[in-house]
Amino acid sequence: MSRRPGAFRVRSLCVALGLLAAASLIGAGLADPARADEKLRPQERAAFQMRVLQSDMMVVALLCGLNQQYDDAVRRFRPEMVANARHLRSYFDRTYGRRGQVELDRFVTVLANRAATRATTLGGLFCAEAIGLMNAVLALPENGLGMFSQNTMGTPDLSVTTTASAR
């Protein structure tokens, strides 16, 4: 079965860039230091932050017609995204055992749904601000996405993992 050109890049970017848009557009959604899980290792915390950014950027790309910018960002930051994805997977495997992948998939779905809800709430302002966000990401130096997400996303709210697994 053949894939659409760029489909892999879009999927990879979705996984890696969700964290960025949350910070600039609607930072209050998942970045609450009071709700951080004590079990998070530093690399896992960073992976959560980047995952939120990735999900937000994916929604931005789809809703605001910024697919090319999203693809460019995924291509540029792919190694960083892949490394962070391993840390995120490690957390879910350690926390949920054999259900790790299922719970990770649920978590990613919750993030995307929350980003889409914010887009609906903000209306036209969402895409107006999204352009600035994408430009900021694309202006980052190589290997700068992780630091950007850590500096803008705050501590991840892990209650979303409980929400995801409650289904």
C-alpha atoms as a PDB file:
ATOM      1  CA  MET A   1       0.000   0.000   0.000  1.00  0.00           C
ATOM      2  CA  SER A   2       1.453   3.381  -0.943  1.00  0.00           C
ATOM      3  CA  ARG A   3       1.436   6.347   1.371  1.00  0.00           C
ATOM      4  CA  ARG A   4       0.807   9.957   0.574  1.00  0.00           C
ATOM      5  CA  PRO A   5       4.067  11.875   0.087  1.00  0.00           C
ATOM      6  CA  GLY A   6       5.012  13.457   3.388  1.00  0.00           C
ATOM      7  CA  ALA A   7       2.549  11.391   5.443  1.00  0.00           C
ATOM      8  CA  PHE A   8       5.359   9.974   7.569  1.00  0.00           C
ATOM      9  CA  ARG A   9       6.750  13.445   8.165  1.00  0.00           C
ATOM     10  CA  VAL A  10       3.345  14.751   9.194  1.00  0.00           C
ATOM     11  CA  ARG A  11       2.853  11.869  11.626  1.00  0.00           C
ATOM     12  CA  SER A  12       6.348  12.305  13.031  1.00  0.00           C
ATOM     13  CA  LEU A  13       5.821  16.010  13.428  1.00  0.00           C
ATOM     14  CA  CYS A  14       2.518  15.455  15.154  1.00  0.00           C
ATOM     15  CA  VAL A  15       4.259  13.284  17.682  1.00  0.00           C
ATOM     16  CA  ALA A  16       7.104  15.706  18.199  1.00  0.00           C
ATOM     17  CA  LEU A  17       5.682  19.187  17.976  1.00  0.00           C
ATOM     18  CA  GLY A  18       2.541  19.202  20.080  1.00  0.00           C
ATOM     19  CA  LEU A  19       4.286  20.911  22.966  1.00  0.00           C
ATOM     20  CA  LEU A  20       5.151  24.207  21.313  1.00  0.00           C
ATOM     21  CA  ALA A  21       1.741  25.551  20.430  1.00  0.00           C
ATOM     22  CA  ALA A  22       0.378  25.020  23.900  1.00  0.00           C
ATOM     23  CA  ALA A  23       2.927  27.380  25.361  1.00  0.00           C
ATOM     24  CA  SER A  24       2.377  30.268  22.996  1.00  0.00           C
ATOM     25  CA  LEU A  25      -1.289  29.866  22.251  1.00  0.00           C
ATOM     26  CA  ILE A  26      -2.882  28.537  25.361  1.00  0.00           C
ATOM     27  CA  GLY A  27      -0.210  27.686  27.893  1.00  0.00           C
ATOM     28  CA  ALA A  28      -2.663  27.136  30.738  1.00  0.00           C
ATOM     29  CA  GLY A  29      -4.008  23.850  29.407  1.00  0.00           C
ATOM     30  CA  LEU A  30      -1.476  21.245  30.521  1.00  0.00           C
ATOM     31  CA  ALA A  31       1.365  23.093  32.206  1.00  0.00           C
ATOM     32  CA  ASP A  32       0.581  23.139  35.906  1.00  0.00           C
ATOM     33  CA  PRO A  33       3.623  22.652  38.160  1.00  0.00           C
ATOM     34  CA  ALA A  34       1.418  21.753  41.114  1.00  0.00           C
ATOM     35  CA  ARG A  35       0.264  18.606  39.311  1.00  0.00           C
ATOM     36  CA  ALA A  36       3.649  17.166  38.330  1.00  0.00           C
ATOM     37  CA  ASP A  37       4.119  13.484  39.004  1.00  0.00           C
ATOM     38  CA  GLU A  38       7.015  12.693  41.319  1.00  0.00           C
ATOM     39  CA  LYS A  39       7.786   9.553  39.304  1.00  0.00           C
ATOM     40  CA  LEU A  40       8.893  11.571  36.289  1.00  0.00           C
ATOM     41  CA  ARG A  41      12.555  11.378  35.431  1.00  0.00           C
ATOM     42  CA  PRO A  42      14.052  14.604  34.006  1.00  0.00           C
ATOM     43  CA  GLN A  43      14.161  13.184  30.470  1.00  0.00           C
ATOM     44  CA  GLU A  44      10.549  12.044  30.761  1.00  0.00           C
ATOM     45  CA  ARG A  45       9.433  15.470  31.978  1.00  0.00           C
ATOM     46  CA  ALA A  46      11.091  17.022  28.918  1.00  0.00           C
ATOM     47  CA  ALA A  47       9.462  14.401  26.699  1.00  0.00           C
ATOM     48  CA  PHE A  48       6.014  15.254  28.076  1.00  0.00           C
ATOM     49  CA  GLN A  49       6.630  18.936  27.433  1.00  0.00           C
ATOM     50  CA  MET A  50       7.695  18.270  23.866  1.00  0.00           C
ATOM     51  CA  ARG A  51       4.739  15.936  23.278  1.00  0.00           C
ATOM     52  CA  VAL A  52       2.259  18.633  24.301  1.00  0.00           C
ATOM     53  CA  LEU A  53       3.980  21.016  21.944  1.00  0.00           C
ATOM     54  CA  GLN A  54       3.894  18.461  19.127  1.00  0.00           C
ATOM     55  CA  SER A  55       0.189  17.820  19.547  1.00  0.00           C
ATOM     56  CA  ASP A  56      -0.591  21.505  19.509  1.00  0.00           C
ATOM     57  CA  MET A  57       1.511  22.080  16.424  1.00  0.00           C
ATOM     58  CA  MET A  58      -0.210  19.214  14.629  1.00  0.00           C
ATOM     59  CA  VAL A  59      -3.602  20.748  15.343  1.00  0.00           C
ATOM     60  CA  VAL A  60      -2.302  24.151  14.265  1.00  0.00           C
ATOM     61  CA  ALA A  61      -1.077  22.672  10.982  1.00  0.00           C
ATOM     62  CA  LEU A  62      -4.381  20.968  10.267  1.00  0.00           C
ATOM     63  CA  LEU A  63      -6.721  23.766  11.318  1.00  0.00           C
ATOM     64  CA  CYS A  64      -4.709  26.761  10.140  1.00  0.00           C
ATOM     65  CA  GLY A  65      -3.287  25.455   6.882  1.00  0.00           C
ATOM     66  CA  LEU A  66       0.296  25.475   8.118  1.00  0.00           C
ATOM     67  CA  ASN A  67       1.124  21.974   6.869  1.00  0.00           C
ATOM     68  CA  GLN A  68       4.293  23.020   5.048  1.00  0.00           C
ATOM     69  CA  GLN A  69       5.657  24.797   8.130  1.00  0.00           C
ATOM     70  CA  TYR A  70       4.798  21.763  10.232  1.00  0.00           C
ATOM     71  CA  ASP A  71       6.538  19.423   7.773  1.00  0.00           C
ATOM     72  CA  ASP A  72       9.583  21.715   7.776  1.00  0.00           C
ATOM     73  CA  ALA A  73       9.704  21.677  11.571  1.00  0.00           C
ATOM     74  CA  VAL A  74       9.379  17.901  11.749  1.00  0.00           C
ATOM     75  CA  ARG A  75      12.161  17.429   9.219  1.00  0.00           C
ATOM     76  CA  ARG A  76      14.378  19.846  11.090  1.00  0.00           C
ATOM     77  CA  PHE A  77      13.788  18.514  14.608  1.00  0.00           C
ATOM     78  CA  ARG A  78      13.178  14.841  13.853  1.00  0.00           C
ATOM     79  CA  PRO A  79      16.232  13.496  15.746  1.00  0.00           C
ATOM     80  CA  GLU A  80      15.248  15.463  18.838  1.00  0.00           C
ATOM     81  CA  MET A  81      11.642  14.328  18.578  1.00  0.00           C
ATOM     82  CA  VAL A  82      12.595  10.679  18.179  1.00  0.00           C
ATOM     83  CA  ALA A  83      14.875  10.801  21.231  1.00  0.00           C
ATOM     84  CA  ASN A  84      12.152  12.440  23.316  1.00  0.00           C
ATOM     85  CA  ALA A  85       9.581   9.923  22.116  1.00  0.00           C
ATOM     86  CA  ARG A  86      11.767   7.149  23.571  1.00  0.00           C
ATOM     87  CA  HIS A  87      11.705   8.825  26.992  1.00  0.00           C
ATOM     88  CA  LEU A  88       7.946   9.262  26.838  1.00  0.00           C
ATOM     89  CA  ARG A  89       7.524   5.619  25.897  1.00  0.00           C
ATOM     90  CA  SER A  90       9.783   4.666  28.797  1.00  0.00           C
ATOM     91  CA  TYR A  91       7.494   6.491  31.229  1.00  0.00           C
ATOM     92  CA  PHE A  92       4.355   4.804  29.903  1.00  0.00           C
ATOM     93  CA  ASP A  93       5.976   1.370  29.852  1.00  0.00           C
ATOM     94  CA  ARG A  94       7.247   1.807  33.411  1.00  0.00           C
ATOM     95  CA  THR A  95       3.940   3.166  34.672  1.00  0.00           C
ATOM     96  CA  TYR A  96       1.473   0.942  32.776  1.00  0.00           C
ATOM     97  CA  GLY A  97       3.500  -2.156  31.939  1.00  0.00           C
ATOM     98  CA  ARG A  98       2.093  -4.084  28.973  1.00  0.00           C
ATOM     99  CA  ARG A  99      -0.603  -1.424  28.521  1.00  0.00           C
ATOM    100  CA  GLY A 100       2.086   1.240  27.975  1.00  0.00           C
ATOM    101  CA  GLN A 101       1.547   1.706  24.241  1.00  0.00           C
ATOM    102  CA  VAL A 102      -2.240   1.749  24.571  1.00  0.00           C
ATOM    103  CA  GLU A 103      -2.047   4.353  27.338  1.00  0.00           C
ATOM    104  CA  LEU A 104       0.443   6.429  25.357  1.00  0.00           C
ATOM    105  CA  ASP A 105      -1.905   6.398  22.358  1.00  0.00           C
ATOM    106  CA  ARG A 106      -4.793   7.472  24.577  1.00  0.00           C
ATOM    107  CA  PHE A 107      -2.687  10.247  26.071  1.00  0.00           C
ATOM    108  CA  VAL A 108      -1.750  11.579  22.615  1.00  0.00           C
ATOM    109  CA  THR A 109      -5.427  11.525  21.613  1.00  0.00           C
ATOM    110  CA  VAL A 110      -6.398  13.501  24.718  1.00  0.00           C
ATOM    111  CA  LEU A 111      -3.720  16.090  23.926  1.00  0.00           C
ATOM    112  CA  ALA A 112      -4.965  16.507  20.363  1.00  0.00           C
ATOM    113  CA  ASN A 113      -8.573  16.793  21.539  1.00  0.00           C
ATOM    114  CA  ARG A 114      -7.630  19.446  24.078  1.00  0.00           C
ATOM    115  CA  ALA A 115      -5.732  21.437  21.466  1.00  0.00           C
ATOM    116  CA  ALA A 116      -8.710  21.263  19.087  1.00  0.00           C
ATOM    117  CA  THR A 117     -11.022  22.406  21.868  1.00  0.00           C
ATOM    118  CA  ARG A 118      -8.769  25.392  22.546  1.00  0.00           C
ATOM    119  CA  ALA A 119      -8.835  26.222  18.842  1.00  0.00           C
ATOM    120  CA  THR A 120     -12.626  26.222  18.897  1.00  0.00           C
ATOM    121  CA  THR A 121     -12.693  28.389  22.007  1.00  0.00           C
ATOM    122  CA  LEU A 122     -10.200  30.933  20.641  1.00  0.00           C
ATOM    123  CA  GLY A 123     -11.706  31.047  17.158  1.00  0.00           C
ATOM    124  CA  GLY A 124      -9.770  33.172  14.664  1.00  0.00           C
ATOM    125  CA  LEU A 125      -7.279  34.215  17.309  1.00  0.00           C
ATOM    126  CA  PHE A 126      -5.974  30.639  17.418  1.00  0.00           C
ATOM    127  CA  CYS A 127      -4.636  30.695  13.850  1.00  0.00           C
ATOM    128  CA  ALA A 128      -3.435  34.284  14.124  1.00  0.00           C
ATOM    129  CA  GLU A 129      -1.265  33.322  17.080  1.00  0.00           C
ATOM    130  CA  ALA A 130      -0.328  29.990  15.500  1.00  0.00           C
ATOM    131  CA  ILE A 131       1.598  31.738  12.735  1.00  0.00           C
ATOM    132  CA  GLY A 132       3.813  33.375  15.349  1.00  0.00           C
ATOM    133  CA  LEU A 133       4.301  30.044  17.056  1.00  0.00           C
ATOM    134  CA  MET A 134       5.334  28.252  13.880  1.00  0.00           C
ATOM    135  CA  ASN A 135       7.693  31.094  12.976  1.00  0.00           C
ATOM    136  CA  ALA A 136       9.258  30.884  16.442  1.00  0.00           C
ATOM    137  CA  VAL A 137       9.780  27.135  16.100  1.00  0.00           C
ATOM    138  CA  LEU A 138      11.263  27.439  12.634  1.00  0.00           C
ATOM    139  CA  ALA A 139      13.646  30.162  13.881  1.00  0.00           C
ATOM    140  CA  LEU A 140      15.075  27.843  16.557  1.00  0.00           C
ATOM    141  CA  PRO A 141      18.579  26.491  16.114  1.00  0.00           C
ATOM    142  CA  GLU A 142      19.031  22.834  15.300  1.00  0.00           C
ATOM    143  CA  ASN A 143      18.417  20.775  18.467  1.00  0.00           C
ATOM    144  CA  GLY A 144      16.676  23.773  20.036  1.00  0.00           C
ATOM    145  CA  LEU A 145      13.137  22.391  20.184  1.00  0.00           C
ATOM    146  CA  GLY A 146      13.597  20.545  23.473  1.00  0.00           C
ATOM    147  CA  MET A 147      14.951  23.572  25.284  1.00  0.00           C
ATOM    148  CA  PHE A 148      12.217  25.719  23.769  1.00  0.00           C
ATOM    149  CA  SER A 149       9.493  23.358  24.971  1.00  0.00           C
ATOM    150  CA  GLN A 150      11.072  23.120  28.436  1.00  0.00           C
ATOM    151  CA  ASN A 151      11.245  26.906  28.714  1.00  0.00           C
ATOM    152  CA  THR A 152       7.709  27.501  27.479  1.00  0.00           C
ATOM    153  CA  MET A 153       5.650  24.509  28.562  1.00  0.00           C
ATOM    154  CA  GLY A 154       6.219  24.378  32.295  1.00  0.00           C
ATOM    155  CA  THR A 155       5.749  21.166  34.235  1.00  0.00           C
ATOM    156  CA  PRO A 156       3.376  18.721  32.556  1.00  0.00           C
ATOM    157  CA  ASP A 157       0.002  17.960  34.074  1.00  0.00           C
ATOM    158  CA  LEU A 158      -0.025  14.195  34.351  1.00  0.00           C
ATOM    159  CA  SER A 159      -3.675  14.077  35.326  1.00  0.00           C
ATOM    160  CA  VAL A 160      -4.261  13.879  31.589  1.00  0.00           C
ATOM    161  CA  THR A 161      -2.742  10.376  31.688  1.00  0.00           C
ATOM    162  CA  THR A 162      -5.321   9.427  34.305  1.00  0.00           C
ATOM    163  CA  THR A 163      -8.026  10.950  32.108  1.00  0.00           C
ATOM    164  CA  ALA A 164      -6.760   8.962  29.143  1.00  0.00           C
ATOM    165  CA  SER A 165      -6.645   5.645  30.967  1.00  0.00           C
ATOM    166  CA  ALA A 166     -10.062   6.115  32.582  1.00  0.00           C
ATOM    167  CA  ARG A 167     -11.788   5.236  29.313  1.00  0.00           C
END
